[in-house]
Amino acid sequence: MEKTEEEKNVFTVIDDNGKEIECEVLFTFESDETKKNYIAYTDHTTDKEGNVQVYASIYDPNNENGKLIPIESDKEWKIIESILESVKEEKEEKEEKEEKEEKDEQE
């Protein structure tokens, strides 16, 4: 189900060329391991294979200016990738369940 504009958590970033790009927050979390807060987001662009581009950064939830800090360590990227994979699997399982329920209702 599509989220309405009010339900979406969106923010704007400015790229290196000064262009404003609207991004949607996918999720945020705090790592017990690094004690940092992370944000995963997308601008809904796709790569060559048609996959939606997902980005991640470090952020301070108490800072109102919302500055995103690049993730630079392999350790942090592994944490992010693991969580992204878990979220992707959960989403796929949910979609499969919904499809099965719809099919059962039609029968």
C-alpha atoms as a PDB file:
ATOM      1  CA  MET A   1       0.000   0.000   0.000  1.00  0.00           C
ATOM      2  CA  GLU A   2       1.347   3.429  -0.962  1.00  0.00           C
ATOM      3  CA  LYS A   3       1.917   5.884   1.842  1.00  0.00           C
ATOM      4  CA  THR A   4       0.274   9.261   1.535  1.00  0.00           C
ATOM      5  CA  GLU A   5       2.503  12.324   1.505  1.00  0.00           C
ATOM      6  CA  GLU A   6       1.608  13.009   5.153  1.00  0.00           C
ATOM      7  CA  GLU A   7       2.703   9.509   6.206  1.00  0.00           C
ATOM      8  CA  LYS A   8       6.015   9.663   4.388  1.00  0.00           C
ATOM      9  CA  ASN A   9       8.997  10.952   6.297  1.00  0.00           C
ATOM     10  CA  VAL A  10      10.759  13.059   3.678  1.00  0.00           C
ATOM     11  CA  PHE A  11      13.641  15.492   3.716  1.00  0.00           C
ATOM     12  CA  THR A  12      15.606  17.429   1.132  1.00  0.00           C
ATOM     13  CA  VAL A  13      19.314  17.156   0.427  1.00  0.00           C
ATOM     14  CA  ILE A  14      21.390  19.396  -1.799  1.00  0.00           C
ATOM     15  CA  ASP A  15      23.803  17.603  -4.098  1.00  0.00           C
ATOM     16  CA  ASP A  16      27.259  18.768  -5.188  1.00  0.00           C
ATOM     17  CA  ASN A  17      25.692  20.768  -8.037  1.00  0.00           C
ATOM     18  CA  GLY A  18      23.320  22.648  -5.725  1.00  0.00           C
ATOM     19  CA  LYS A  19      20.279  20.662  -6.883  1.00  0.00           C
ATOM     20  CA  GLU A  20      17.627  19.878  -4.259  1.00  0.00           C
ATOM     21  CA  ILE A  21      16.705  16.192  -4.057  1.00  0.00           C
ATOM     22  CA  GLU A  22      13.763  14.891  -2.056  1.00  0.00           C
ATOM     23  CA  CYS A  23      14.536  11.729  -0.095  1.00  0.00           C
ATOM     24  CA  GLU A  24      12.326   9.385   1.886  1.00  0.00           C
ATOM     25  CA  VAL A  25      13.460   7.944   5.209  1.00  0.00           C
ATOM     26  CA  LEU A  26      13.267   4.160   5.153  1.00  0.00           C
ATOM     27  CA  PHE A  27      14.267   3.663   8.777  1.00  0.00           C
ATOM     28  CA  THR A  28      16.544   4.915  11.525  1.00  0.00           C
ATOM     29  CA  PHE A  29      18.308   3.003  14.273  1.00  0.00           C
ATOM     30  CA  GLU A  30      20.929   3.280  16.967  1.00  0.00           C
ATOM     31  CA  SER A  31      23.711   0.706  16.962  1.00  0.00           C
ATOM     32  CA  ASP A  32      24.534  -0.810  20.351  1.00  0.00           C
ATOM     33  CA  GLU A  33      27.941  -1.658  18.928  1.00  0.00           C
ATOM     34  CA  THR A  34      28.999   1.807  17.703  1.00  0.00           C
ATOM     35  CA  LYS A  35      26.669   3.940  19.881  1.00  0.00           C
ATOM     36  CA  LYS A  36      25.814   5.994  16.773  1.00  0.00           C
ATOM     37  CA  ASN A  37      22.491   6.748  15.090  1.00  0.00           C
ATOM     38  CA  TYR A  38      22.021   5.817  11.447  1.00  0.00           C
ATOM     39  CA  ILE A  39      19.473   6.733   8.812  1.00  0.00           C
ATOM     40  CA  ALA A  40      18.673   4.708   5.690  1.00  0.00           C
ATOM     41  CA  TYR A  41      16.945   6.643   2.916  1.00  0.00           C
ATOM     42  CA  THR A  42      16.210   6.683  -0.791  1.00  0.00           C
ATOM     43  CA  ASP A  43      15.702   9.249  -3.516  1.00  0.00           C
ATOM     44  CA  HIS A  44      13.764   6.613  -5.522  1.00  0.00           C
ATOM     45  CA  THR A  45      16.333   6.498  -8.323  1.00  0.00           C
ATOM     46  CA  THR A  46      17.316   3.091  -9.678  1.00  0.00           C
ATOM     47  CA  ASP A  47      20.593   1.461 -10.651  1.00  0.00           C
ATOM     48  CA  LYS A  48      21.357  -0.328 -13.939  1.00  0.00           C
ATOM     49  CA  GLU A  49      19.567  -3.472 -12.732  1.00  0.00           C
ATOM     50  CA  GLY A  50      16.436  -1.538 -11.750  1.00  0.00           C
ATOM     51  CA  ASN A  51      17.045  -1.721  -7.989  1.00  0.00           C
ATOM     52  CA  VAL A  52      16.011   1.296  -5.947  1.00  0.00           C
ATOM     53  CA  GLN A  53      19.052   3.166  -4.672  1.00  0.00           C
ATOM     54  CA  VAL A  54      19.340   3.162  -0.876  1.00  0.00           C
ATOM     55  CA  TYR A  55      21.732   5.376   1.044  1.00  0.00           C
ATOM     56  CA  ALA A  56      22.827   5.424   4.680  1.00  0.00           C
ATOM     57  CA  SER A  57      24.438   8.046   6.868  1.00  0.00           C
ATOM     58  CA  ILE A  58      25.171   8.823  10.478  1.00  0.00           C
ATOM     59  CA  TYR A  59      22.913  11.452  12.011  1.00  0.00           C
ATOM     60  CA  ASP A  60      22.291  13.149  15.345  1.00  0.00           C
ATOM     61  CA  PRO A  61      18.583  12.893  16.245  1.00  0.00           C
ATOM     62  CA  ASN A  62      18.992  15.813  18.668  1.00  0.00           C
ATOM     63  CA  ASN A  63      20.459  18.188  16.076  1.00  0.00           C
ATOM     64  CA  GLU A  64      17.779  20.183  14.285  1.00  0.00           C
ATOM     65  CA  ASN A  65      19.940  21.136  11.292  1.00  0.00           C
ATOM     66  CA  GLY A  66      19.854  17.490  10.217  1.00  0.00           C
ATOM     67  CA  LYS A  67      23.405  17.277   8.922  1.00  0.00           C
ATOM     68  CA  LEU A  68      24.170  13.801   7.582  1.00  0.00           C
ATOM     69  CA  ILE A  69      27.632  12.404   8.230  1.00  0.00           C
ATOM     70  CA  PRO A  70      29.187   9.911   5.805  1.00  0.00           C
ATOM     71  CA  ILE A  71      29.800   6.356   6.968  1.00  0.00           C
ATOM     72  CA  GLU A  72      33.462   5.641   6.433  1.00  0.00           C
ATOM     73  CA  SER A  73      34.323   2.414   8.249  1.00  0.00           C
ATOM     74  CA  ASP A  74      33.857  -1.089   6.853  1.00  0.00           C
ATOM     75  CA  LYS A  75      32.590  -2.189  10.261  1.00  0.00           C
ATOM     76  CA  GLU A  76      29.744   0.330  10.122  1.00  0.00           C
ATOM     77  CA  TRP A  77      28.875  -0.583   6.525  1.00  0.00           C
ATOM     78  CA  LYS A  78      28.629  -4.246   7.510  1.00  0.00           C
ATOM     79  CA  ILE A  79      26.160  -3.327  10.273  1.00  0.00           C
ATOM     80  CA  ILE A  80      24.082  -1.265   7.821  1.00  0.00           C
ATOM     81  CA  GLU A  81      24.151  -3.971   5.132  1.00  0.00           C
ATOM     82  CA  SER A  82      23.038  -6.600   7.632  1.00  0.00           C
ATOM     83  CA  ILE A  83      20.076  -4.500   8.745  1.00  0.00           C
ATOM     84  CA  LEU A  84      19.131  -3.602   5.166  1.00  0.00           C
ATOM     85  CA  GLU A  85      19.139  -7.296   4.259  1.00  0.00           C
ATOM     86  CA  SER A  86      16.903  -8.101   7.255  1.00  0.00           C
ATOM     87  CA  VAL A  87      14.477  -5.316   6.324  1.00  0.00           C
ATOM     88  CA  LYS A  88      14.408  -6.503   2.710  1.00  0.00           C
ATOM     89  CA  GLU A  89      13.655 -10.089   3.772  1.00  0.00           C
ATOM     90  CA  GLU A  90      10.889  -8.946   6.130  1.00  0.00           C
ATOM     91  CA  LYS A  91       9.328  -6.837   3.368  1.00  0.00           C
ATOM     92  CA  GLU A  92       9.451  -9.725   0.887  1.00  0.00           C
ATOM     93  CA  GLU A  93       7.869 -12.096   3.422  1.00  0.00           C
ATOM     94  CA  LYS A  94       5.117  -9.569   4.153  1.00  0.00           C
ATOM     95  CA  GLU A  95       4.409  -9.074   0.437  1.00  0.00           C
ATOM     96  CA  GLU A  96       4.288 -12.843  -0.144  1.00  0.00           C
ATOM     97  CA  LYS A  97       1.865 -13.235   2.774  1.00  0.00           C
ATOM     98  CA  GLU A  98      -0.363 -10.428   1.448  1.00  0.00           C
ATOM     99  CA  GLU A  99      -0.353 -11.942  -2.045  1.00  0.00           C
ATOM    100  CA  LYS A 100      -1.307 -15.335  -0.620  1.00  0.00           C
ATOM    101  CA  GLU A 101      -4.126 -13.785   1.434  1.00  0.00           C
ATOM    102  CA  GLU A 102      -5.458 -11.962  -1.641  1.00  0.00           C
ATOM    103  CA  LYS A 103      -5.319 -15.162  -3.673  1.00  0.00           C
ATOM    104  CA  ASP A 104      -7.124 -17.089  -0.902  1.00  0.00           C
ATOM    105  CA  GLU A 105      -9.851 -14.423  -0.779  1.00  0.00           C
ATOM    106  CA  GLN A 106     -10.425 -14.729  -4.532  1.00  0.00           C
ATOM    107  CA  GLU A 107     -10.929 -18.478  -4.346  1.00  0.00           C
END
